Amino acid sequence: MKLIFTEYSIILIFLSISFLLSVLFFSLSYFLIPKKADQEKISAYECGFNPFDDARATFDIRFYLVAILFLIFDLEISFLFPWSLALNSISLFGFWSMIIFLIILTIGFIYEWYKGALEWE
């Protein structure tokens, strides 16, 4: 038990110091900065001009499709990178399972391209 504490004690010390510093900086900025609220500070800011529409307006579905596609291909890279590092030590089953995964992902990408999800007007 003592061995585990000595190995992880540096992480505990680091987390404690970072927590204390963040609380200290937050409290100093809260108490030392003058609080003068004027119309410019409390107004909504949208790219340098006044907002022209409600902030709760619905987005076009293409934004969500692009975000989902980004997440899918980002996750693909997170699977592909460790697989490529361990490629010389895995069996044929590991190799072909990743190839099948990549084929399914490519078919999905071609389907999205065919349906026009990547087209932006």
PDB file of N, CA and C in Angstrom:
ATOM      1  N   MET A   1       0.831  -1.196   0.000  1.00  0.00           N
ATOM      2  CA  MET A   1       0.000   0.000   0.000  1.00  0.00           C
ATOM      3  C   MET A   1       0.869   1.250   0.000  1.00  0.00           C
ATOM      4  N   LYS A   2       1.949   1.219   0.732  1.00  0.00           N
ATOM      5  CA  LYS A   2       2.826   2.382   0.797  1.00  0.00           C
ATOM      6  C   LYS A   2       3.488   2.643  -0.550  1.00  0.00           C
ATOM      7  N   LEU A   3       3.773   1.573  -1.300  1.00  0.00           N
ATOM      8  CA  LEU A   3       4.402   1.717  -2.606  1.00  0.00           C
ATOM      9  C   LEU A   3       3.481   2.444  -3.580  1.00  0.00           C
ATOM     10  N   ILE A   4       2.202   2.138  -3.522  1.00  0.00           N
ATOM     11  CA  ILE A   4       1.238   2.799  -4.409  1.00  0.00           C
ATOM     12  C   ILE A   4       1.152   4.282  -4.081  1.00  0.00           C
ATOM     13  N   PHE A   5       1.159   4.624  -2.796  1.00  0.00           N
ATOM     14  CA  PHE A   5       1.073   6.028  -2.421  1.00  0.00           C
ATOM     15  C   PHE A   5       2.301   6.789  -2.873  1.00  0.00           C
ATOM     16  N   THR A   6       3.463   6.198  -2.763  1.00  0.00           N
ATOM     17  CA  THR A   6       4.668   6.922  -3.183  1.00  0.00           C
ATOM     18  C   THR A   6       4.717   7.102  -4.695  1.00  0.00           C
ATOM     19  N   GLU A   7       4.154   6.163  -5.444  1.00  0.00           N
ATOM     20  CA  GLU A   7       4.154   6.314  -6.901  1.00  0.00           C
ATOM     21  C   GLU A   7       3.185   7.395  -7.367  1.00  0.00           C
ATOM     22  N   TYR A   8       2.059   7.500  -6.716  1.00  0.00           N
ATOM     23  CA  TYR A   8       1.036   8.457  -7.141  1.00  0.00           C
ATOM     24  C   TYR A   8       1.043   9.738  -6.325  1.00  0.00           C
ATOM     25  N   SER A   9       1.941   9.888  -5.405  1.00  0.00           N
ATOM     26  CA  SER A   9       1.952  11.093  -4.575  1.00  0.00           C
ATOM     27  C   SER A   9       2.299  12.337  -5.381  1.00  0.00           C
ATOM     28  N   ILE A  10       3.163  12.213  -6.377  1.00  0.00           N
ATOM     29  CA  ILE A  10       3.519  13.384  -7.178  1.00  0.00           C
ATOM     30  C   ILE A  10       2.314  13.885  -7.976  1.00  0.00           C
ATOM     31  N   ILE A  11       1.454  12.965  -8.420  1.00  0.00           N
ATOM     32  CA  ILE A  11       0.244  13.373  -9.135  1.00  0.00           C
ATOM     33  C   ILE A  11      -0.724  14.070  -8.180  1.00  0.00           C
ATOM     34  N   LEU A  12      -0.848  13.554  -6.978  1.00  0.00           N
ATOM     35  CA  LEU A  12      -1.702  14.183  -5.980  1.00  0.00           C
ATOM     36  C   LEU A  12      -1.192  15.571  -5.618  1.00  0.00           C
ATOM     37  N   ILE A  13       0.109  15.720  -5.487  1.00  0.00           N
ATOM     38  CA  ILE A  13       0.690  17.029  -5.188  1.00  0.00           C
ATOM     39  C   ILE A  13       0.436  17.987  -6.349  1.00  0.00           C
ATOM     40  N   PHE A  14       0.628  17.523  -7.571  1.00  0.00           N
ATOM     41  CA  PHE A  14       0.390  18.361  -8.745  1.00  0.00           C
ATOM     42  C   PHE A  14      -1.070  18.806  -8.820  1.00  0.00           C
ATOM     43  N   LEU A  15      -2.007  17.891  -8.628  1.00  0.00           N
ATOM     44  CA  LEU A  15      -3.423  18.250  -8.661  1.00  0.00           C
ATOM     45  C   LEU A  15      -3.795  19.216  -7.544  1.00  0.00           C
ATOM     46  N   SER A  16      -3.225  19.032  -6.369  1.00  0.00           N
ATOM     47  CA  SER A  16      -3.519  19.930  -5.250  1.00  0.00           C
ATOM     48  C   SER A  16      -3.009  21.340  -5.531  1.00  0.00           C
ATOM     49  N   ILE A  17      -1.777  21.445  -6.025  1.00  0.00           N
ATOM     50  CA  ILE A  17      -1.216  22.761  -6.322  1.00  0.00           C
ATOM     51  C   ILE A  17      -1.999  23.438  -7.439  1.00  0.00           C
ATOM     52  N   SER A  18      -2.362  22.690  -8.479  1.00  0.00           N
ATOM     53  CA  SER A  18      -3.123  23.296  -9.573  1.00  0.00           C
ATOM     54  C   SER A  18      -4.509  23.732  -9.110  1.00  0.00           C
ATOM     55  N   PHE A  19      -5.145  22.959  -8.251  1.00  0.00           N
ATOM     56  CA  PHE A  19      -6.454  23.353  -7.722  1.00  0.00           C
ATOM     57  C   PHE A  19      -6.338  24.614  -6.880  1.00  0.00           C
ATOM     58  N   LEU A  20      -5.343  24.661  -6.012  1.00  0.00           N
ATOM     59  CA  LEU A  20      -5.167  25.836  -5.165  1.00  0.00           C
ATOM     60  C   LEU A  20      -4.837  27.078  -5.990  1.00  0.00           C
ATOM     61  N   LEU A  21      -4.003  26.939  -6.991  1.00  0.00           N
ATOM     62  CA  LEU A  21      -3.680  28.081  -7.844  1.00  0.00           C
ATOM     63  C   LEU A  21      -4.897  28.566  -8.626  1.00  0.00           C
ATOM     64  N   SER A  22      -5.699  27.647  -9.126  1.00  0.00           N
ATOM     65  CA  SER A  22      -6.887  28.070  -9.871  1.00  0.00           C
ATOM     66  C   SER A  22      -7.886  28.771  -8.957  1.00  0.00           C
ATOM     67  N   VAL A  23      -8.068  28.282  -7.753  1.00  0.00           N
ATOM     68  CA  VAL A  23      -8.969  28.954  -6.808  1.00  0.00           C
ATOM     69  C   VAL A  23      -8.415  30.322  -6.438  1.00  0.00           C
ATOM     70  N   LEU A  24      -7.104  30.425  -6.242  1.00  0.00           N
ATOM     71  CA  LEU A  24      -6.476  31.695  -5.899  1.00  0.00           C
ATOM     72  C   LEU A  24      -6.635  32.703  -7.040  1.00  0.00           C
ATOM     73  N   PHE A  25      -6.355  32.299  -8.265  1.00  0.00           N
ATOM     74  CA  PHE A  25      -6.474  33.223  -9.397  1.00  0.00           C
ATOM     75  C   PHE A  25      -7.917  33.649  -9.627  1.00  0.00           C
ATOM     76  N   PHE A  26      -8.838  32.722  -9.495  1.00  0.00           N
ATOM     77  CA  PHE A  26     -10.246  33.077  -9.668  1.00  0.00           C
ATOM     78  C   PHE A  26     -10.697  34.066  -8.606  1.00  0.00           C
ATOM     79  N   SER A  27     -10.349  33.809  -7.361  1.00  0.00           N
ATOM     80  CA  SER A  27     -10.786  34.703  -6.293  1.00  0.00           C
ATOM     81  C   SER A  27     -10.113  36.072  -6.402  1.00  0.00           C
ATOM     82  N   LEU A  28      -8.829  36.111  -6.789  1.00  0.00           N
ATOM     83  CA  LEU A  28      -8.174  37.405  -6.969  1.00  0.00           C
ATOM     84  C   LEU A  28      -8.812  38.201  -8.098  1.00  0.00           C
ATOM     85  N   SER A  29      -9.109  37.549  -9.200  1.00  0.00           N
ATOM     86  CA  SER A  29      -9.731  38.271 -10.304  1.00  0.00           C
ATOM     87  C   SER A  29     -11.146  38.704  -9.964  1.00  0.00           C
ATOM     88  N   TYR A  30     -11.818  37.966  -9.135  1.00  0.00           N
ATOM     89  CA  TYR A  30     -13.183  38.325  -8.770  1.00  0.00           C
ATOM     90  C   TYR A  30     -13.202  39.527  -7.824  1.00  0.00           C
ATOM     91  N   PHE A  31     -12.252  39.577  -6.886  1.00  0.00           N
ATOM     92  CA  PHE A  31     -12.288  40.624  -5.870  1.00  0.00           C
ATOM     93  C   PHE A  31     -11.495  41.874  -6.253  1.00  0.00           C
ATOM     94  N   LEU A  32     -10.524  41.785  -7.121  1.00  0.00           N
ATOM     95  CA  LEU A  32      -9.673  42.929  -7.407  1.00  0.00           C
ATOM     96  C   LEU A  32     -10.103  43.737  -8.626  1.00  0.00           C
ATOM     97  N   ILE A  33     -10.833  43.160  -9.536  1.00  0.00           N
ATOM     98  CA  ILE A  33     -11.218  43.866 -10.752  1.00  0.00           C
ATOM     99  C   ILE A  33     -12.452  44.718 -10.476  1.00  0.00           C
ATOM    100  N   PRO A  34     -12.411  45.988 -10.911  1.00  0.00           N
ATOM    101  CA  PRO A  34     -13.605  46.829 -10.697  1.00  0.00           C
ATOM    102  C   PRO A  34     -14.764  46.343 -11.569  1.00  0.00           C
ATOM    103  N   LYS A  35     -15.938  46.407 -10.985  1.00  0.00           N
ATOM    104  CA  LYS A  35     -17.128  45.917 -11.673  1.00  0.00           C
ATOM    105  C   LYS A  35     -18.016  47.092 -12.051  1.00  0.00           C
ATOM    106  N   LYS A  36     -17.797  47.593 -13.259  1.00  0.00           N
ATOM    107  CA  LYS A  36     -18.634  48.676 -13.776  1.00  0.00           C
ATOM    108  C   LYS A  36     -19.345  48.153 -15.014  1.00  0.00           C
ATOM    109  N   ALA A  37     -20.598  47.853 -14.880  1.00  0.00           N
ATOM    110  CA  ALA A  37     -21.371  47.328 -16.001  1.00  0.00           C
ATOM    111  C   ALA A  37     -21.950  48.478 -16.803  1.00  0.00           C
ATOM    112  N   ASP A  38     -21.560  48.576 -18.061  1.00  0.00           N
ATOM    113  CA  ASP A  38     -22.158  49.559 -18.944  1.00  0.00           C
ATOM    114  C   ASP A  38     -22.879  48.828 -20.077  1.00  0.00           C
ATOM    115  N   GLN A  39     -23.495  49.595 -20.959  1.00  0.00           N
ATOM    116  CA  GLN A  39     -24.311  48.987 -22.007  1.00  0.00           C
ATOM    117  C   GLN A  39     -23.476  48.142 -22.965  1.00  0.00           C
ATOM    118  N   GLU A  40     -22.249  48.548 -23.245  1.00  0.00           N
ATOM    119  CA  GLU A  40     -21.410  47.787 -24.175  1.00  0.00           C
ATOM    120  C   GLU A  40     -20.980  46.453 -23.599  1.00  0.00           C
ATOM    121  N   LYS A  41     -20.716  46.417 -22.293  1.00  0.00           N
ATOM    122  CA  LYS A  41     -20.256  45.169 -21.687  1.00  0.00           C
ATOM    123  C   LYS A  41     -21.362  44.130 -21.572  1.00  0.00           C
ATOM    124  N   ILE A  42     -22.575  44.561 -21.350  1.00  0.00           N
ATOM    125  CA  ILE A  42     -23.648  43.590 -21.152  1.00  0.00           C
ATOM    126  C   ILE A  42     -24.402  43.271 -22.429  1.00  0.00           C
ATOM    127  N   SER A  43     -24.042  43.929 -23.538  1.00  0.00           N
ATOM    128  CA  SER A  43     -24.730  43.641 -24.797  1.00  0.00           C
ATOM    129  C   SER A  43     -24.166  42.368 -25.429  1.00  0.00           C
ATOM    130  N   ALA A  44     -24.998  41.751 -26.235  1.00  0.00           N
ATOM    131  CA  ALA A  44     -24.562  40.543 -26.932  1.00  0.00           C
ATOM    132  C   ALA A  44     -23.597  40.921 -28.040  1.00  0.00           C
ATOM    133  N   TYR A  45     -22.562  40.151 -28.208  1.00  0.00           N
ATOM    134  CA  TYR A  45     -21.539  40.436 -29.213  1.00  0.00           C
ATOM    135  C   TYR A  45     -21.531  39.307 -30.234  1.00  0.00           C
ATOM    136  N   GLU A  46     -21.677  39.675 -31.501  1.00  0.00           N
ATOM    137  CA  GLU A  46     -21.691  38.661 -32.545  1.00  0.00           C
ATOM    138  C   GLU A  46     -20.862  39.163 -33.712  1.00  0.00           C
ATOM    139  N   CYS A  47     -19.594  38.835 -33.716  1.00  0.00           N
ATOM    140  CA  CYS A  47     -18.674  39.144 -34.823  1.00  0.00           C
ATOM    141  C   CYS A  47     -18.581  40.640 -35.110  1.00  0.00           C
ATOM    142  N   GLY A  48     -18.668  41.475 -34.125  1.00  0.00           N
ATOM    143  CA  GLY A  48     -18.448  42.890 -34.323  1.00  0.00           C
ATOM    144  C   GLY A  48     -19.685  43.705 -34.643  1.00  0.00           C
ATOM    145  N   PHE A  49     -20.822  43.076 -34.770  1.00  0.00           N
ATOM    146  CA  PHE A  49     -22.036  43.845 -35.029  1.00  0.00           C
ATOM    147  C   PHE A  49     -23.158  43.317 -34.143  1.00  0.00           C
ATOM    148  N   ASN A  50     -24.191  44.103 -34.037  1.00  0.00           N
ATOM    149  CA  ASN A  50     -25.314  43.729 -33.184  1.00  0.00           C
ATOM    150  C   ASN A  50     -25.996  42.468 -33.707  1.00  0.00           C
ATOM    151  N   PRO A  51     -26.471  41.617 -32.816  1.00  0.00           N
ATOM    152  CA  PRO A  51     -27.152  40.402 -33.276  1.00  0.00           C
ATOM    153  C   PRO A  51     -28.430  40.760 -34.024  1.00  0.00           C
ATOM    154  N   PHE A  52     -28.680  40.030 -35.099  1.00  0.00           N
ATOM    155  CA  PHE A  52     -29.838  40.338 -35.935  1.00  0.00           C
ATOM    156  C   PHE A  52     -30.929  39.292 -35.841  1.00  0.00           C
ATOM    157  N   ASP A  53     -30.703  38.225 -35.088  1.00  0.00           N
ATOM    158  CA  ASP A  53     -31.707  37.180 -34.981  1.00  0.00           C
ATOM    159  C   ASP A  53     -31.667  36.595 -33.579  1.00  0.00           C
ATOM    160  N   ASP A  54     -32.635  35.785 -33.276  1.00  0.00           N
ATOM    161  CA  ASP A  54     -32.702  35.136 -31.976  1.00  0.00           C
ATOM    162  C   ASP A  54     -31.590  34.098 -31.853  1.00  0.00           C
ATOM    163  N   ALA A  55     -30.994  34.004 -30.696  1.00  0.00           N
ATOM    164  CA  ALA A  55     -29.910  33.047 -30.472  1.00  0.00           C
ATOM    165  C   ALA A  55     -30.417  31.608 -30.422  1.00  0.00           C
ATOM    166  N   ARG A  56     -31.712  31.424 -30.229  1.00  0.00           N
ATOM    167  CA  ARG A  56     -32.275  30.080 -30.146  1.00  0.00           C
ATOM    168  C   ARG A  56     -32.823  29.588 -31.479  1.00  0.00           C
ATOM    169  N   ALA A  57     -32.425  30.215 -32.562  1.00  0.00           N
ATOM    170  CA  ALA A  57     -32.902  29.805 -33.878  1.00  0.00           C
ATOM    171  C   ALA A  57     -32.315  28.444 -34.241  1.00  0.00           C
ATOM    172  N   THR A  58     -33.055  27.687 -34.988  1.00  0.00           N
ATOM    173  CA  THR A  58     -32.587  26.354 -35.359  1.00  0.00           C
ATOM    174  C   THR A  58     -31.520  26.451 -36.434  1.00  0.00           C
ATOM    175  N   PHE A  59     -30.556  25.559 -36.354  1.00  0.00           N
ATOM    176  CA  PHE A  59     -29.489  25.498 -37.338  1.00  0.00           C
ATOM    177  C   PHE A  59     -29.898  24.593 -38.488  1.00  0.00           C
ATOM    178  N   ASP A  60     -29.255  24.781 -39.588  1.00  0.00           N
ATOM    179  CA  ASP A  60     -29.454  23.913 -40.730  1.00  0.00           C
ATOM    180  C   ASP A  60     -28.897  22.527 -40.388  1.00  0.00           C
ATOM    181  N   ILE A  61     -29.532  21.498 -40.897  1.00  0.00           N
ATOM    182  CA  ILE A  61     -29.138  20.131 -40.579  1.00  0.00           C
ATOM    183  C   ILE A  61     -27.737  19.817 -41.091  1.00  0.00           C
ATOM    184  N   ARG A  62     -27.269  20.565 -42.083  1.00  0.00           N
ATOM    185  CA  ARG A  62     -25.938  20.302 -42.630  1.00  0.00           C
ATOM    186  C   ARG A  62     -24.840  20.549 -41.606  1.00  0.00           C
ATOM    187  N   PHE A  63     -25.050  21.496 -40.682  1.00  0.00           N
ATOM    188  CA  PHE A  63     -24.062  21.718 -39.630  1.00  0.00           C
ATOM    189  C   PHE A  63     -23.903  20.461 -38.787  1.00  0.00           C
ATOM    190  N   TYR A  64     -25.011  19.831 -38.451  1.00  0.00           N
ATOM    191  CA  TYR A  64     -24.967  18.625 -37.638  1.00  0.00           C
ATOM    192  C   TYR A  64     -24.351  17.462 -38.415  1.00  0.00           C
ATOM    193  N   LEU A  65     -24.662  17.359 -39.696  1.00  0.00           N
ATOM    194  CA  LEU A  65     -24.084  16.287 -40.512  1.00  0.00           C
ATOM    195  C   LEU A  65     -22.568  16.420 -40.622  1.00  0.00           C
ATOM    196  N   VAL A  66     -22.105  17.629 -40.818  1.00  0.00           N
ATOM    197  CA  VAL A  66     -20.659  17.838 -40.894  1.00  0.00           C
ATOM    198  C   VAL A  66     -20.008  17.529 -39.547  1.00  0.00           C
ATOM    199  N   ALA A  67     -20.654  17.907 -38.467  1.00  0.00           N
ATOM    200  CA  ALA A  67     -20.107  17.615 -37.145  1.00  0.00           C
ATOM    201  C   ALA A  67     -20.064  16.110 -36.886  1.00  0.00           C
ATOM    202  N   ILE A  68     -21.106  15.396 -37.261  1.00  0.00           N
ATOM    203  CA  ILE A  68     -21.124  13.946 -37.068  1.00  0.00           C
ATOM    204  C   ILE A  68     -20.076  13.278 -37.939  1.00  0.00           C
ATOM    205  N   LEU A  69     -19.925  13.737 -39.182  1.00  0.00           N
ATOM    206  CA  LEU A  69     -18.886  13.181 -40.045  1.00  0.00           C
ATOM    207  C   LEU A  69     -17.500  13.434 -39.473  1.00  0.00           C
ATOM    208  N   PHE A  70     -17.293  14.619 -38.929  1.00  0.00           N
ATOM    209  CA  PHE A  70     -16.004  14.900 -38.301  1.00  0.00           C
ATOM    210  C   PHE A  70     -15.748  13.959 -37.138  1.00  0.00           C
ATOM    211  N   LEU A  71     -16.748  13.749 -36.301  1.00  0.00           N
ATOM    212  CA  LEU A  71     -16.573  12.851 -35.160  1.00  0.00           C
ATOM    213  C   LEU A  71     -16.286  11.423 -35.610  1.00  0.00           C
ATOM    214  N   ILE A  72     -16.981  10.967 -36.644  1.00  0.00           N
ATOM    215  CA  ILE A  72     -16.770   9.603 -37.129  1.00  0.00           C
ATOM    216  C   ILE A  72     -15.342   9.427 -37.628  1.00  0.00           C
ATOM    217  N   PHE A  73     -14.867  10.361 -38.436  1.00  0.00           N
ATOM    218  CA  PHE A  73     -13.528  10.204 -38.979  1.00  0.00           C
ATOM    219  C   PHE A  73     -12.448  10.525 -37.959  1.00  0.00           C
ATOM    220  N   ASP A  74     -12.763  11.313 -36.959  1.00  0.00           N
ATOM    221  CA  ASP A  74     -11.836  11.526 -35.867  1.00  0.00           C
ATOM    222  C   ASP A  74     -11.697  10.254 -35.037  1.00  0.00           C
ATOM    223  N   LEU A  75     -12.801   9.574 -34.795  1.00  0.00           N
ATOM    224  CA  LEU A  75     -12.734   8.300 -34.081  1.00  0.00           C
ATOM    225  C   LEU A  75     -12.018   7.236 -34.903  1.00  0.00           C
ATOM    226  N   GLU A  76     -12.169   7.299 -36.211  1.00  0.00           N
ATOM    227  CA  GLU A  76     -11.448   6.351 -37.065  1.00  0.00           C
ATOM    228  C   GLU A  76      -9.948   6.498 -36.877  1.00  0.00           C
ATOM    229  N   ILE A  77      -9.469   7.716 -36.810  1.00  0.00           N
ATOM    230  CA  ILE A  77      -8.040   7.944 -36.611  1.00  0.00           C
ATOM    231  C   ILE A  77      -7.613   7.457 -35.237  1.00  0.00           C
ATOM    232  N   SER A  78      -8.470   7.615 -34.242  1.00  0.00           N
ATOM    233  CA  SER A  78      -8.101   7.140 -32.907  1.00  0.00           C
ATOM    234  C   SER A  78      -8.034   5.612 -32.849  1.00  0.00           C
ATOM    235  N   PHE A  79      -8.745   4.908 -33.725  1.00  0.00           N
ATOM    236  CA  PHE A  79      -8.605   3.458 -33.826  1.00  0.00           C
ATOM    237  C   PHE A  79      -7.450   3.068 -34.729  1.00  0.00           C
ATOM    238  N   LEU A  80      -7.228   3.848 -35.756  1.00  0.00           N
ATOM    239  CA  LEU A  80      -6.232   3.490 -36.764  1.00  0.00           C
ATOM    240  C   LEU A  80      -4.804   3.708 -36.278  1.00  0.00           C
ATOM    241  N   PHE A  81      -4.567   4.733 -35.490  1.00  0.00           N
ATOM    242  CA  PHE A  81      -3.201   5.021 -35.043  1.00  0.00           C
ATOM    243  C   PHE A  81      -2.623   3.916 -34.153  1.00  0.00           C
ATOM    244  N   PRO A  82      -3.312   3.449 -33.109  1.00  0.00           N
ATOM    245  CA  PRO A  82      -2.733   2.357 -32.312  1.00  0.00           C
ATOM    246  C   PRO A  82      -2.624   1.060 -33.116  1.00  0.00           C
ATOM    247  N   TRP A  83      -3.557   0.839 -34.027  1.00  0.00           N
ATOM    248  CA  TRP A  83      -3.490  -0.352 -34.872  1.00  0.00           C
ATOM    249  C   TRP A  83      -2.242  -0.324 -35.740  1.00  0.00           C
ATOM    250  N   SER A  84      -1.918   0.835 -36.284  1.00  0.00           N
ATOM    251  CA  SER A  84      -0.729   0.923 -37.132  1.00  0.00           C
ATOM    252  C   SER A  84       0.551   0.767 -36.326  1.00  0.00           C
ATOM    253  N   LEU A  85       0.544   1.168 -35.071  1.00  0.00           N
ATOM    254  CA  LEU A  85       1.738   0.992 -34.242  1.00  0.00           C
ATOM    255  C   LEU A  85       1.945  -0.469 -33.857  1.00  0.00           C
ATOM    256  N   ALA A  86       0.859  -1.202 -33.661  1.00  0.00           N
ATOM    257  CA  ALA A  86       0.949  -2.597 -33.247  1.00  0.00           C
ATOM    258  C   ALA A  86       0.772  -3.555 -34.418  1.00  0.00           C
ATOM    259  N   LEU A  87       0.944  -3.082 -35.632  1.00  0.00           N
ATOM    260  CA  LEU A  87       0.647  -3.896 -36.805  1.00  0.00           C
ATOM    261  C   LEU A  87       1.570  -5.102 -36.929  1.00  0.00           C
ATOM    262  N   ASN A  88       2.829  -4.963 -36.545  1.00  0.00           N
ATOM    263  CA  ASN A  88       3.750  -6.095 -36.691  1.00  0.00           C
ATOM    264  C   ASN A  88       3.584  -7.146 -35.606  1.00  0.00           C
ATOM    265  N   SER A  89       2.833  -6.856 -34.556  1.00  0.00           N
ATOM    266  CA  SER A  89       2.691  -7.837 -33.476  1.00  0.00           C
ATOM    267  C   SER A  89       1.270  -8.389 -33.335  1.00  0.00           C
ATOM    268  N   ILE A  90       0.342  -8.011 -34.220  1.00  0.00           N
ATOM    269  CA  ILE A  90      -1.015  -8.546 -34.115  1.00  0.00           C
ATOM    270  C   ILE A  90      -1.185  -9.699 -35.104  1.00  0.00           C
ATOM    271  N   SER A  91      -2.212 -10.456 -34.891  1.00  0.00           N
ATOM    272  CA  SER A  91      -2.457 -11.612 -35.751  1.00  0.00           C
ATOM    273  C   SER A  91      -3.195 -11.187 -37.020  1.00  0.00           C
ATOM    274  N   LEU A  92      -3.462 -12.151 -37.877  1.00  0.00           N
ATOM    275  CA  LEU A  92      -4.211 -11.876 -39.098  1.00  0.00           C
ATOM    276  C   LEU A  92      -5.644 -11.456 -38.794  1.00  0.00           C
ATOM    277  N   PHE A  93      -6.183 -11.985 -37.697  1.00  0.00           N
ATOM    278  CA  PHE A  93      -7.540 -11.589 -37.296  1.00  0.00           C
ATOM    279  C   PHE A  93      -7.603 -10.093 -37.008  1.00  0.00           C
ATOM    280  N   GLY A  94      -6.613  -9.554 -36.295  1.00  0.00           N
ATOM    281  CA  GLY A  94      -6.577  -8.123 -36.009  1.00  0.00           C
ATOM    282  C   GLY A  94      -6.402  -7.292 -37.260  1.00  0.00           C
ATOM    283  N   PHE A  95      -5.594  -7.786 -38.180  1.00  0.00           N
ATOM    284  CA  PHE A  95      -5.385  -7.079 -39.439  1.00  0.00           C
ATOM    285  C   PHE A  95      -6.665  -7.010 -40.248  1.00  0.00           C
ATOM    286  N   TRP A  96      -7.307  -8.165 -40.446  1.00  0.00           N
ATOM    287  CA  TRP A  96      -8.495  -8.197 -41.294  1.00  0.00           C
ATOM    288  C   TRP A  96      -9.707  -7.547 -40.628  1.00  0.00           C
ATOM    289  N   SER A  97      -9.772  -7.571 -39.319  1.00  0.00           N
ATOM    290  CA  SER A  97     -10.887  -6.875 -38.665  1.00  0.00           C
ATOM    291  C   SER A  97     -10.773  -5.363 -38.876  1.00  0.00           C
ATOM    292  N   MET A  98      -9.567  -4.823 -38.867  1.00  0.00           N
ATOM    293  CA  MET A  98      -9.410  -3.400 -39.139  1.00  0.00           C
ATOM    294  C   MET A  98      -9.668  -3.085 -40.614  1.00  0.00           C
ATOM    295  N   ILE A  99      -9.270  -3.972 -41.504  1.00  0.00           N
ATOM    296  CA  ILE A  99      -9.550  -3.760 -42.924  1.00  0.00           C
ATOM    297  C   ILE A  99     -11.057  -3.743 -43.173  1.00  0.00           C
ATOM    298  N   ILE A 100     -11.798  -4.643 -42.541  1.00  0.00           N
ATOM    299  CA  ILE A 100     -13.259  -4.658 -42.665  1.00  0.00           C
ATOM    300  C   ILE A 100     -13.860  -3.373 -42.085  1.00  0.00           C
ATOM    301  N   PHE A 101     -13.328  -2.922 -40.964  1.00  0.00           N
ATOM    302  CA  PHE A 101     -13.776  -1.656 -40.366  1.00  0.00           C
ATOM    303  C   PHE A 101     -13.552  -0.501 -41.329  1.00  0.00           C
ATOM    304  N   LEU A 102     -12.400  -0.458 -41.969  1.00  0.00           N
ATOM    305  CA  LEU A 102     -12.105   0.618 -42.912  1.00  0.00           C
ATOM    306  C   LEU A 102     -12.980   0.532 -44.162  1.00  0.00           C
ATOM    307  N   ILE A 103     -13.281  -0.679 -44.607  1.00  0.00           N
ATOM    308  CA  ILE A 103     -14.170  -0.835 -45.765  1.00  0.00           C
ATOM    309  C   ILE A 103     -15.577  -0.341 -45.433  1.00  0.00           C
ATOM    310  N   ILE A 104     -16.082  -0.696 -44.266  1.00  0.00           N
ATOM    311  CA  ILE A 104     -17.414  -0.231 -43.850  1.00  0.00           C
ATOM    312  C   ILE A 104     -17.428   1.290 -43.723  1.00  0.00           C
ATOM    313  N   LEU A 105     -16.363   1.853 -43.177  1.00  0.00           N
ATOM    314  CA  LEU A 105     -16.281   3.304 -43.052  1.00  0.00           C
ATOM    315  C   LEU A 105     -16.209   3.983 -44.412  1.00  0.00           C
ATOM    316  N   THR A 106     -15.488   3.379 -45.350  1.00  0.00           N
ATOM    317  CA  THR A 106     -15.405   3.938 -46.701  1.00  0.00           C
ATOM    318  C   THR A 106     -16.748   3.861 -47.408  1.00  0.00           C
ATOM    319  N   ILE A 107     -17.473   2.767 -47.221  1.00  0.00           N
ATOM    320  CA  ILE A 107     -18.816   2.659 -47.810  1.00  0.00           C
ATOM    321  C   ILE A 107     -19.734   3.732 -47.234  1.00  0.00           C
ATOM    322  N   GLY A 108     -19.645   3.979 -45.945  1.00  0.00           N
ATOM    323  CA  GLY A 108     -20.441   5.042 -45.330  1.00  0.00           C
ATOM    324  C   GLY A 108     -20.076   6.412 -45.854  1.00  0.00           C
ATOM    325  N   PHE A 109     -18.780   6.640 -46.070  1.00  0.00           N
ATOM    326  CA  PHE A 109     -18.340   7.920 -46.624  1.00  0.00           C
ATOM    327  C   PHE A 109     -18.849   8.108 -48.055  1.00  0.00           C
ATOM    328  N   ILE A 110     -18.783   7.061 -48.861  1.00  0.00           N
ATOM    329  CA  ILE A 110     -19.285   7.137 -50.241  1.00  0.00           C
ATOM    330  C   ILE A 110     -20.793   7.377 -50.236  1.00  0.00           C
ATOM    331  N   TYR A 111     -21.513   6.746 -49.323  1.00  0.00           N
ATOM    332  CA  TYR A 111     -22.953   6.956 -49.203  1.00  0.00           C
ATOM    333  C   TYR A 111     -23.270   8.411 -48.852  1.00  0.00           C
ATOM    334  N   GLU A 112     -22.525   8.967 -47.883  1.00  0.00           N
ATOM    335  CA  GLU A 112     -22.742  10.366 -47.509  1.00  0.00           C
ATOM    336  C   GLU A 112     -22.429  11.291 -48.674  1.00  0.00           C
ATOM    337  N   TRP A 113     -21.400  10.976 -49.420  1.00  0.00           N
ATOM    338  CA  TRP A 113     -21.025  11.786 -50.575  1.00  0.00           C
ATOM    339  C   TRP A 113     -22.109  11.694 -51.651  1.00  0.00           C
ATOM    340  N   TYR A 114     -22.611  10.479 -51.850  1.00  0.00           N
ATOM    341  CA  TYR A 114     -23.665  10.267 -52.848  1.00  0.00           C
ATOM    342  C   TYR A 114     -24.956  10.987 -52.469  1.00  0.00           C
ATOM    343  N   LYS A 115     -25.293  11.008 -51.201  1.00  0.00           N
ATOM    344  CA  LYS A 115     -26.510  11.666 -50.728  1.00  0.00           C
ATOM    345  C   LYS A 115     -26.374  13.198 -50.710  1.00  0.00           C
ATOM    346  N   GLY A 116     -25.157  13.702 -50.864  1.00  0.00           N
ATOM    347  CA  GLY A 116     -24.955  15.148 -50.903  1.00  0.00           C
ATOM    348  C   GLY A 116     -24.755  15.793 -49.562  1.00  0.00           C
ATOM    349  N   ALA A 117     -24.367  15.036 -48.551  1.00  0.00           N
ATOM    350  CA  ALA A 117     -24.149  15.617 -47.229  1.00  0.00           C
ATOM    351  C   ALA A 117     -22.903  16.490 -47.208  1.00  0.00           C
ATOM    352  N   LEU A 118     -22.008  16.306 -48.143  1.00  0.00           N
ATOM    353  CA  LEU A 118     -20.785  17.101 -48.178  1.00  0.00           C
ATOM    354  C   LEU A 118     -20.917  18.326 -49.066  1.00  0.00           C
ATOM    355  N   GLU A 119     -22.045  18.456 -49.766  1.00  0.00           N
ATOM    356  CA  GLU A 119     -22.272  19.611 -50.630  1.00  0.00           C
ATOM    357  C   GLU A 119     -22.694  20.807 -49.774  1.00  0.00           C
ATOM    358  N   TRP A 120     -22.099  21.944 -50.044  1.00  0.00           N
ATOM    359  CA  TRP A 120     -22.440  23.156 -49.305  1.00  0.00           C
ATOM    360  C   TRP A 120     -22.832  24.222 -50.316  1.00  0.00           C
ATOM    361  N   GLU A 121     -24.008  24.788 -50.143  1.00  0.00           N
ATOM    362  CA  GLU A 121     -24.525  25.755 -51.115  1.00  0.00           C
ATOM    363  C   GLU A 121     -24.274  27.168 -50.657  1.00  0.00           C
TER     364      GLU A 121
END
